[in-house]
Amino acid sequence: MASIRSIKKDIDYLVSEVISDCYLTIYFSPNKKEQAFSLMEEAIALRNNLVERANHPAEKSNPHLVARHYGQLRRDLLEGVDHLFQKLSQIGK
């Protein structure tokens, strides 16, 4: 199992990629500024939720449940970031 530190680094990296792409969208399409800012707020909310879940696993006493918790956390990270990139793609059209 990966360390909590690496999970949090992955969360920060992927969410920062979404935010930087939002800034590029604002730069190239200034008329879509409000939509991009809304998406950035959604990305920050996702990041805060995932970091909170990484810091406080539900069941610390059972290692199998903790491993399952972090596995689900990684799946939620990838699904959430993929969803944000899809929304950003729709904004950029």
PDB file of N, CA and C in Angstrom:
ATOM      1  N   MET A   1       0.842  -1.179   0.000  1.00  0.00           N
ATOM      2  CA  MET A   1       0.000   0.000   0.000  1.00  0.00           C
ATOM      3  C   MET A   1       0.888   1.243   0.000  1.00  0.00           C
ATOM      4  N   ALA A   2       0.492   2.216  -0.750  1.00  0.00           N
ATOM      5  CA  ALA A   2       1.238   3.472  -0.826  1.00  0.00           C
ATOM      6  C   ALA A   2       1.059   4.254   0.465  1.00  0.00           C
ATOM      7  N   SER A   3       2.000   5.131   0.718  1.00  0.00           N
ATOM      8  CA  SER A   3       1.911   5.923   1.932  1.00  0.00           C
ATOM      9  C   SER A   3       0.868   7.028   1.780  1.00  0.00           C
ATOM     10  N   ILE A   4       0.408   7.502   2.895  1.00  0.00           N
ATOM     11  CA  ILE A   4      -0.582   8.585   2.896  1.00  0.00           C
ATOM     12  C   ILE A   4       0.021   9.826   2.250  1.00  0.00           C
ATOM     13  N   ARG A   5       1.308  10.039   2.472  1.00  0.00           N
ATOM     14  CA  ARG A   5       1.986  11.190   1.888  1.00  0.00           C
ATOM     15  C   ARG A   5       1.912  11.153   0.356  1.00  0.00           C
ATOM     16  N   SER A   6       2.154   9.983  -0.227  1.00  0.00           N
ATOM     17  CA  SER A   6       2.117   9.897  -1.687  1.00  0.00           C
ATOM     18  C   SER A   6       0.699  10.057  -2.217  1.00  0.00           C
ATOM     19  N   ILE A   7      -0.286   9.577  -1.484  1.00  0.00           N
ATOM     20  CA  ILE A   7      -1.675   9.769  -1.898  1.00  0.00           C
ATOM     21  C   ILE A   7      -2.018  11.254  -1.908  1.00  0.00           C
ATOM     22  N   LYS A   8      -1.603  11.957  -0.872  1.00  0.00           N
ATOM     23  CA  LYS A   8      -1.889  13.393  -0.806  1.00  0.00           C
ATOM     24  C   LYS A   8      -1.128  14.158  -1.891  1.00  0.00           C
ATOM     25  N   LYS A   9       0.085  13.724  -2.215  1.00  0.00           N
ATOM     26  CA  LYS A   9       0.827  14.357  -3.314  1.00  0.00           C
ATOM     27  C   LYS A   9       0.113  14.141  -4.635  1.00  0.00           C
ATOM     28  N   ASP A  10      -0.411  12.933  -4.836  1.00  0.00           N
ATOM     29  CA  ASP A  10      -1.165  12.650  -6.058  1.00  0.00           C
ATOM     30  C   ASP A  10      -2.415  13.515  -6.148  1.00  0.00           C
ATOM     31  N   ILE A  11      -3.102  13.663  -5.034  1.00  0.00           N
ATOM     32  CA  ILE A  11      -4.299  14.511  -4.997  1.00  0.00           C
ATOM     33  C   ILE A  11      -3.928  15.934  -5.383  1.00  0.00           C
ATOM     34  N   ASP A  12      -2.908  16.477  -4.747  1.00  0.00           N
ATOM     35  CA  ASP A  12      -2.499  17.851  -5.030  1.00  0.00           C
ATOM     36  C   ASP A  12      -2.055  18.023  -6.479  1.00  0.00           C
ATOM     37  N   TYR A  13      -1.304  17.059  -6.986  1.00  0.00           N
ATOM     38  CA  TYR A  13      -0.797  17.166  -8.359  1.00  0.00           C
ATOM     39  C   TYR A  13      -1.935  17.149  -9.365  1.00  0.00           C
ATOM     40  N   LEU A  14      -2.837  16.192  -9.250  1.00  0.00           N
ATOM     41  CA  LEU A  14      -3.906  16.070 -10.239  1.00  0.00           C
ATOM     42  C   LEU A  14      -4.876  17.247 -10.188  1.00  0.00           C
ATOM     43  N   VAL A  15      -5.202  17.698  -9.004  1.00  0.00           N
ATOM     44  CA  VAL A  15      -6.107  18.846  -8.891  1.00  0.00           C
ATOM     45  C   VAL A  15      -5.420  20.113  -9.390  1.00  0.00           C
ATOM     46  N   SER A  16      -4.127  20.252  -9.142  1.00  0.00           N
ATOM     47  CA  SER A  16      -3.421  21.433  -9.647  1.00  0.00           C
ATOM     48  C   SER A  16      -3.357  21.432 -11.167  1.00  0.00           C
ATOM     49  N   GLU A  17      -3.316  20.253 -11.780  1.00  0.00           N
ATOM     50  CA  GLU A  17      -3.352  20.172 -13.246  1.00  0.00           C
ATOM     51  C   GLU A  17      -4.692  20.670 -13.775  1.00  0.00           C
ATOM     52  N   VAL A  18      -5.767  20.313 -13.110  1.00  0.00           N
ATOM     53  CA  VAL A  18      -7.091  20.795 -13.518  1.00  0.00           C
ATOM     54  C   VAL A  18      -7.142  22.317 -13.408  1.00  0.00           C
ATOM     55  N   ILE A  19      -6.650  22.840 -12.298  1.00  0.00           N
ATOM     56  CA  ILE A  19      -6.692  24.284 -12.074  1.00  0.00           C
ATOM     57  C   ILE A  19      -5.819  25.028 -13.081  1.00  0.00           C
ATOM     58  N   SER A  20      -4.640  24.492 -13.383  1.00  0.00           N
ATOM     59  CA  SER A  20      -3.787  25.169 -14.361  1.00  0.00           C
ATOM     60  C   SER A  20      -4.422  25.141 -15.752  1.00  0.00           C
ATOM     61  N   ASP A  21      -5.106  24.060 -16.087  1.00  0.00           N
ATOM     62  CA  ASP A  21      -5.817  24.020 -17.368  1.00  0.00           C
ATOM     63  C   ASP A  21      -6.987  24.997 -17.389  1.00  0.00           C
ATOM     64  N   CYS A  22      -7.598  25.224 -16.237  1.00  0.00           N
ATOM     65  CA  CYS A  22      -8.661  26.240 -16.148  1.00  0.00           C
ATOM     66  C   CYS A  22      -8.082  27.637 -16.420  1.00  0.00           C
ATOM     67  N   TYR A  23      -6.904  27.902 -15.885  1.00  0.00           N
ATOM     68  CA  TYR A  23      -6.268  29.195 -16.146  1.00  0.00           C
ATOM     69  C   TYR A  23      -5.937  29.355 -17.629  1.00  0.00           C
ATOM     70  N   LEU A  24      -5.508  28.283 -18.274  1.00  0.00           N
ATOM     71  CA  LEU A  24      -5.248  28.347 -19.715  1.00  0.00           C
ATOM     72  C   LEU A  24      -6.534  28.615 -20.488  1.00  0.00           C
ATOM     73  N   THR A  25      -7.618  28.009 -20.048  1.00  0.00           N
ATOM     74  CA  THR A  25      -8.909  28.257 -20.697  1.00  0.00           C
ATOM     75  C   THR A  25      -9.308  29.718 -20.551  1.00  0.00           C
ATOM     76  N   ILE A  26      -9.085  30.281 -19.382  1.00  0.00           N
ATOM     77  CA  ILE A  26      -9.398  31.701 -19.165  1.00  0.00           C
ATOM     78  C   ILE A  26      -8.526  32.574 -20.053  1.00  0.00           C
ATOM     79  N   TYR A  27      -7.254  32.203 -20.202  1.00  0.00           N
ATOM     80  CA  TYR A  27      -6.338  32.985 -21.013  1.00  0.00           C
ATOM     81  C   TYR A  27      -6.753  32.983 -22.487  1.00  0.00           C
ATOM     82  N   PHE A  28      -7.115  31.813 -22.988  1.00  0.00           N
ATOM     83  CA  PHE A  28      -7.453  31.706 -24.403  1.00  0.00           C
ATOM     84  C   PHE A  28      -8.919  32.015 -24.711  1.00  0.00           C
ATOM     85  N   SER A  29      -9.785  31.928 -23.726  1.00  0.00           N
ATOM     86  CA  SER A  29     -11.214  32.228 -23.920  1.00  0.00           C
ATOM     87  C   SER A  29     -11.709  33.083 -22.752  1.00  0.00           C
ATOM     88  N   PRO A  30     -11.402  34.365 -22.747  1.00  0.00           N
ATOM     89  CA  PRO A  30     -11.789  35.208 -21.614  1.00  0.00           C
ATOM     90  C   PRO A  30     -13.306  35.262 -21.382  1.00  0.00           C
ATOM     91  N   ASN A  31     -14.086  34.983 -22.411  1.00  0.00           N
ATOM     92  CA  ASN A  31     -15.533  35.032 -22.241  1.00  0.00           C
ATOM     93  C   ASN A  31     -16.066  33.840 -21.432  1.00  0.00           C
ATOM     94  N   LYS A  32     -15.240  32.846 -21.161  1.00  0.00           N
ATOM     95  CA  LYS A  32     -15.655  31.673 -20.390  1.00  0.00           C
ATOM     96  C   LYS A  32     -15.060  31.687 -18.983  1.00  0.00           C
ATOM     97  N   LYS A  33     -14.764  32.872 -18.519  1.00  0.00           N
ATOM     98  CA  LYS A  33     -14.097  33.050 -17.232  1.00  0.00           C
ATOM     99  C   LYS A  33     -14.928  32.523 -16.064  1.00  0.00           C
ATOM    100  N   GLU A  34     -16.218  32.847 -16.035  1.00  0.00           N
ATOM    101  CA  GLU A  34     -17.077  32.440 -14.920  1.00  0.00           C
ATOM    102  C   GLU A  34     -17.192  30.914 -14.847  1.00  0.00           C
ATOM    103  N   GLN A  35     -17.321  30.261 -15.988  1.00  0.00           N
ATOM    104  CA  GLN A  35     -17.430  28.802 -16.007  1.00  0.00           C
ATOM    105  C   GLN A  35     -16.136  28.162 -15.511  1.00  0.00           C
ATOM    106  N   ALA A  36     -15.011  28.728 -15.915  1.00  0.00           N
ATOM    107  CA  ALA A  36     -13.719  28.181 -15.493  1.00  0.00           C
ATOM    108  C   ALA A  36     -13.509  28.380 -13.996  1.00  0.00           C
ATOM    109  N   PHE A  37     -13.906  29.535 -13.466  1.00  0.00           N
ATOM    110  CA  PHE A  37     -13.776  29.775 -12.029  1.00  0.00           C
ATOM    111  C   PHE A  37     -14.680  28.836 -11.238  1.00  0.00           C
ATOM    112  N   SER A  38     -15.859  28.577 -11.759  1.00  0.00           N
ATOM    113  CA  SER A  38     -16.759  27.641 -11.108  1.00  0.00           C
ATOM    114  C   SER A  38     -16.147  26.240 -11.063  1.00  0.00           C
ATOM    115  N   LEU A  39     -15.510  25.853 -12.148  1.00  0.00           N
ATOM    116  CA  LEU A  39     -14.859  24.547 -12.190  1.00  0.00           C
ATOM    117  C   LEU A  39     -13.666  24.490 -11.233  1.00  0.00           C
ATOM    118  N   MET A  40     -12.937  25.600 -11.096  1.00  0.00           N
ATOM    119  CA  MET A  40     -11.826  25.641 -10.144  1.00  0.00           C
ATOM    120  C   MET A  40     -12.336  25.472  -8.713  1.00  0.00           C
ATOM    121  N   GLU A  41     -13.461  26.091  -8.398  1.00  0.00           N
ATOM    122  CA  GLU A  41     -14.035  25.934  -7.061  1.00  0.00           C
ATOM    123  C   GLU A  41     -14.431  24.484  -6.810  1.00  0.00           C
ATOM    124  N   GLU A  42     -14.972  23.845  -7.833  1.00  0.00           N
ATOM    125  CA  GLU A  42     -15.340  22.432  -7.724  1.00  0.00           C
ATOM    126  C   GLU A  42     -14.101  21.569  -7.518  1.00  0.00           C
ATOM    127  N   ALA A  43     -13.016  21.894  -8.208  1.00  0.00           N
ATOM    128  CA  ALA A  43     -11.765  21.143  -8.067  1.00  0.00           C
ATOM    129  C   ALA A  43     -11.193  21.309  -6.661  1.00  0.00           C
ATOM    130  N   ILE A  44     -11.266  22.495  -6.126  1.00  0.00           N
ATOM    131  CA  ILE A  44     -10.756  22.741  -4.772  1.00  0.00           C
ATOM    132  C   ILE A  44     -11.596  22.001  -3.743  1.00  0.00           C
ATOM    133  N   ALA A  45     -12.904  21.978  -3.955  1.00  0.00           N
ATOM    134  CA  ALA A  45     -13.780  21.232  -3.042  1.00  0.00           C
ATOM    135  C   ALA A  45     -13.456  19.737  -3.090  1.00  0.00           C
ATOM    136  N   LEU A  46     -13.193  19.213  -4.292  1.00  0.00           N
ATOM    137  CA  LEU A  46     -12.806  17.811  -4.428  1.00  0.00           C
ATOM    138  C   LEU A  46     -11.501  17.545  -3.690  1.00  0.00           C
ATOM    139  N   ARG A  47     -10.529  18.435  -3.863  1.00  0.00           N
ATOM    140  CA  ARG A  47      -9.240  18.275  -3.195  1.00  0.00           C
ATOM    141  C   ARG A  47      -9.402  18.266  -1.680  1.00  0.00           C
ATOM    142  N   ASN A  48     -10.162  19.222  -1.156  1.00  0.00           N
ATOM    143  CA  ASN A  48     -10.351  19.297   0.292  1.00  0.00           C
ATOM    144  C   ASN A  48     -11.036  18.044   0.835  1.00  0.00           C
ATOM    145  N   ASN A  49     -12.031  17.552   0.099  1.00  0.00           N
ATOM    146  CA  ASN A  49     -12.737  16.347   0.520  1.00  0.00           C
ATOM    147  C   ASN A  49     -11.795  15.147   0.538  1.00  0.00           C
ATOM    148  N   LEU A  50     -11.008  14.977  -0.513  1.00  0.00           N
ATOM    149  CA  LEU A  50     -10.120  13.828  -0.592  1.00  0.00           C
ATOM    150  C   LEU A  50      -9.002  13.882   0.446  1.00  0.00           C
ATOM    151  N   VAL A  51      -8.459  15.061   0.692  1.00  0.00           N
ATOM    152  CA  VAL A  51      -7.401  15.183   1.713  1.00  0.00           C
ATOM    153  C   VAL A  51      -7.975  14.897   3.095  1.00  0.00           C
ATOM    154  N   GLU A  52      -9.178  15.368   3.346  1.00  0.00           N
ATOM    155  CA  GLU A  52      -9.835  15.093   4.633  1.00  0.00           C
ATOM    156  C   GLU A  52     -10.032  13.590   4.812  1.00  0.00           C
ATOM    157  N   ARG A  53     -10.464  12.915   3.753  1.00  0.00           N
ATOM    158  CA  ARG A  53     -10.650  11.459   3.823  1.00  0.00           C
ATOM    159  C   ARG A  53      -9.322  10.735   3.974  1.00  0.00           C
ATOM    160  N   ALA A  54      -8.259  11.260   3.367  1.00  0.00           N
ATOM    161  CA  ALA A  54      -6.939  10.632   3.498  1.00  0.00           C
ATOM    162  C   ALA A  54      -6.408  10.779   4.919  1.00  0.00           C
ATOM    163  N   ASN A  55      -6.697  11.894   5.545  1.00  0.00           N
ATOM    164  CA  ASN A  55      -6.208  12.132   6.897  1.00  0.00           C
ATOM    165  C   ASN A  55      -6.969  11.345   7.956  1.00  0.00           C
ATOM    166  N   HIS A  56      -8.220  11.007   7.684  1.00  0.00           N
ATOM    167  CA  HIS A  56      -9.066  10.364   8.692  1.00  0.00           C
ATOM    168  C   HIS A  56      -9.768   9.137   8.126  1.00  0.00           C
ATOM    169  N   PRO A  57      -9.061   7.999   8.054  1.00  0.00           N
ATOM    170  CA  PRO A  57      -9.742   6.783   7.582  1.00  0.00           C
ATOM    171  C   PRO A  57     -10.822   6.374   8.575  1.00  0.00           C
ATOM    172  N   ALA A  58     -11.864   5.754   8.058  1.00  0.00           N
ATOM    173  CA  ALA A  58     -13.021   5.423   8.889  1.00  0.00           C
ATOM    174  C   ALA A  58     -12.686   4.398   9.977  1.00  0.00           C
ATOM    175  N   GLU A  59     -11.997   3.337   9.634  1.00  0.00           N
ATOM    176  CA  GLU A  59     -11.727   2.246  10.567  1.00  0.00           C
ATOM    177  C   GLU A  59     -10.228   2.005  10.652  1.00  0.00           C
ATOM    178  N   LYS A  60      -9.576   2.546  11.685  1.00  0.00           N
ATOM    179  CA  LYS A  60      -8.126   2.422  11.800  1.00  0.00           C
ATOM    180  C   LYS A  60      -7.690   1.081  12.375  1.00  0.00           C
ATOM    181  N   SER A  61      -8.555   0.394  13.101  1.00  0.00           N
ATOM    182  CA  SER A  61      -8.130  -0.820  13.792  1.00  0.00           C
ATOM    183  C   SER A  61      -8.032  -2.036  12.870  1.00  0.00           C
ATOM    184  N   ASN A  62      -8.785  -2.059  11.787  1.00  0.00           N
ATOM    185  CA  ASN A  62      -8.769  -3.201  10.882  1.00  0.00           C
ATOM    186  C   ASN A  62      -7.984  -2.842   9.625  1.00  0.00           C
ATOM    187  N   PRO A  63      -6.808  -3.458   9.420  1.00  0.00           N
ATOM    188  CA  PRO A  63      -5.969  -3.099   8.270  1.00  0.00           C
ATOM    189  C   PRO A  63      -6.629  -3.358   6.922  1.00  0.00           C
ATOM    190  N   HIS A  64      -7.494  -4.364   6.841  1.00  0.00           N
ATOM    191  CA  HIS A  64      -8.169  -4.651   5.574  1.00  0.00           C
ATOM    192  C   HIS A  64      -9.136  -3.532   5.205  1.00  0.00           C
ATOM    193  N   LEU A  65      -9.807  -2.993   6.195  1.00  0.00           N
ATOM    194  CA  LEU A  65     -10.733  -1.892   5.930  1.00  0.00           C
ATOM    195  C   LEU A  65      -9.989  -0.617   5.571  1.00  0.00           C
ATOM    196  N   VAL A  66      -8.834  -0.410   6.190  1.00  0.00           N
ATOM    197  CA  VAL A  66      -8.036   0.777   5.885  1.00  0.00           C
ATOM    198  C   VAL A  66      -7.515   0.691   4.451  1.00  0.00           C
ATOM    199  N   ALA A  67      -7.036  -0.481   4.051  1.00  0.00           N
ATOM    200  CA  ALA A  67      -6.546  -0.655   2.677  1.00  0.00           C
ATOM    201  C   ALA A  67      -7.682  -0.446   1.684  1.00  0.00           C
ATOM    202  N   ARG A  68      -8.858  -0.942   1.994  1.00  0.00           N
ATOM    203  CA  ARG A  68     -10.018  -0.757   1.124  1.00  0.00           C
ATOM    204  C   ARG A  68     -10.412   0.720   1.060  1.00  0.00           C
ATOM    205  N   HIS A  69     -10.291   1.411   2.198  1.00  0.00           N
ATOM    206  CA  HIS A  69     -10.609   2.843   2.254  1.00  0.00           C
ATOM    207  C   HIS A  69      -9.698   3.630   1.311  1.00  0.00           C
ATOM    208  N   TYR A  70      -8.394   3.357   1.357  1.00  0.00           N
ATOM    209  CA  TYR A  70      -7.459   4.095   0.513  1.00  0.00           C
ATOM    210  C   TYR A  70      -7.570   3.687  -0.952  1.00  0.00           C
ATOM    211  N   GLY A  71      -7.936   2.447  -1.217  1.00  0.00           N
ATOM    212  CA  GLY A  71      -8.195   2.036  -2.590  1.00  0.00           C
ATOM    213  C   GLY A  71      -9.384   2.785  -3.176  1.00  0.00           C
ATOM    214  N   GLN A  72     -10.440   2.895  -2.373  1.00  0.00           N
ATOM    215  CA  GLN A  72     -11.615   3.650  -2.816  1.00  0.00           C
ATOM    216  C   GLN A  72     -11.278   5.133  -2.971  1.00  0.00           C
ATOM    217  N   LEU A  73     -10.425   5.639  -2.110  1.00  0.00           N
ATOM    218  CA  LEU A  73     -10.011   7.039  -2.197  1.00  0.00           C
ATOM    219  C   LEU A  73      -9.291   7.306  -3.520  1.00  0.00           C
ATOM    220  N   ARG A  74      -8.407   6.410  -3.915  1.00  0.00           N
ATOM    221  CA  ARG A  74      -7.703   6.558  -5.201  1.00  0.00           C
ATOM    222  C   ARG A  74      -8.671   6.481  -6.377  1.00  0.00           C
ATOM    223  N   ARG A  75      -9.628   5.559  -6.319  1.00  0.00           N
ATOM    224  CA  ARG A  75     -10.624   5.467  -7.395  1.00  0.00           C
ATOM    225  C   ARG A  75     -11.455   6.742  -7.470  1.00  0.00           C
ATOM    226  N   ASP A  76     -11.843   7.272  -6.318  1.00  0.00           N
ATOM    227  CA  ASP A  76     -12.613   8.517  -6.294  1.00  0.00           C
ATOM    228  C   ASP A  76     -11.799   9.685  -6.842  1.00  0.00           C
ATOM    229  N   LEU A  77     -10.505   9.691  -6.557  1.00  0.00           N
ATOM    230  CA  LEU A  77      -9.627  10.736  -7.085  1.00  0.00           C
ATOM    231  C   LEU A  77      -9.609  10.688  -8.604  1.00  0.00           C
ATOM    232  N   LEU A  78      -9.376   9.523  -9.156  1.00  0.00           N
ATOM    233  CA  LEU A  78      -9.288   9.408 -10.610  1.00  0.00           C
ATOM    234  C   LEU A  78     -10.627   9.712 -11.284  1.00  0.00           C
ATOM    235  N   GLU A  79     -11.712   9.231 -10.713  1.00  0.00           N
ATOM    236  CA  GLU A  79     -13.028   9.515 -11.286  1.00  0.00           C
ATOM    237  C   GLU A  79     -13.364  11.000 -11.187  1.00  0.00           C
ATOM    238  N   GLY A  80     -13.045  11.611 -10.050  1.00  0.00           N
ATOM    239  CA  GLY A  80     -13.330  13.028  -9.864  1.00  0.00           C
ATOM    240  C   GLY A  80     -12.541  13.909 -10.812  1.00  0.00           C
ATOM    241  N   VAL A  81     -11.261  13.629 -10.959  1.00  0.00           N
ATOM    242  CA  VAL A  81     -10.415  14.419 -11.853  1.00  0.00           C
ATOM    243  C   VAL A  81     -10.836  14.203 -13.303  1.00  0.00           C
ATOM    244  N   ASP A  82     -11.175  12.974 -13.661  1.00  0.00           N
ATOM    245  CA  ASP A  82     -11.650  12.698 -15.012  1.00  0.00           C
ATOM    246  C   ASP A  82     -12.936  13.474 -15.295  1.00  0.00           C
ATOM    247  N   HIS A  83     -13.824  13.504 -14.331  1.00  0.00           N
ATOM    248  CA  HIS A  83     -15.076  14.257 -14.483  1.00  0.00           C
ATOM    249  C   HIS A  83     -14.796  15.755 -14.667  1.00  0.00           C
ATOM    250  N   LEU A  84     -13.849  16.283 -13.896  1.00  0.00           N
ATOM    251  CA  LEU A  84     -13.503  17.703 -14.014  1.00  0.00           C
ATOM    252  C   LEU A  84     -12.897  18.009 -15.381  1.00  0.00           C
ATOM    253  N   PHE A  85     -12.031  17.132 -15.874  1.00  0.00           N
ATOM    254  CA  PHE A  85     -11.444  17.354 -17.197  1.00  0.00           C
ATOM    255  C   PHE A  85     -12.498  17.266 -18.299  1.00  0.00           C
ATOM    256  N   GLN A  86     -13.465  16.396 -18.133  1.00  0.00           N
ATOM    257  CA  GLN A  86     -14.555  16.326 -19.114  1.00  0.00           C
ATOM    258  C   GLN A  86     -15.369  17.616 -19.122  1.00  0.00           C
ATOM    259  N   LYS A  87     -15.646  18.149 -17.932  1.00  0.00           N
ATOM    260  CA  LYS A  87     -16.375  19.416 -17.854  1.00  0.00           C
ATOM    261  C   LYS A  87     -15.559  20.551 -18.467  1.00  0.00           C
ATOM    262  N   LEU A  88     -14.257  20.541 -18.221  1.00  0.00           N
ATOM    263  CA  LEU A  88     -13.388  21.568 -18.788  1.00  0.00           C
ATOM    264  C   LEU A  88     -13.346  21.452 -20.304  1.00  0.00           C
ATOM    265  N   SER A  89     -13.370  20.252 -20.811  1.00  0.00           N
ATOM    266  CA  SER A  89     -13.406  20.048 -22.247  1.00  0.00           C
ATOM    267  C   SER A  89     -14.684  20.632 -22.848  1.00  0.00           C
ATOM    268  N   GLN A  90     -15.793  20.481 -22.154  1.00  0.00           N
ATOM    269  CA  GLN A  90     -17.052  21.041 -22.619  1.00  0.00           C
ATOM    270  C   GLN A  90     -17.027  22.571 -22.584  1.00  0.00           C
ATOM    271  N   ILE A  91     -16.369  23.128 -21.591  1.00  0.00           N
ATOM    272  CA  ILE A  91     -16.254  24.583 -21.491  1.00  0.00           C
ATOM    273  C   ILE A  91     -15.411  25.116 -22.648  1.00  0.00           C
ATOM    274  N   GLY A  92     -14.354  24.406 -22.989  1.00  0.00           N
ATOM    275  CA  GLY A  92     -13.424  24.863 -24.014  1.00  0.00           C
ATOM    276  C   GLY A  92     -13.954  24.775 -25.433  1.00  0.00           C
ATOM    277  N   LYS A  93     -15.069  24.108 -25.632  1.00  0.00           N
ATOM    278  CA  LYS A  93     -15.595  23.971 -26.996  1.00  0.00           C
ATOM    279  C   LYS A  93     -16.218  25.252 -27.497  1.00  0.00           C
TER     280      LYS A  93
END
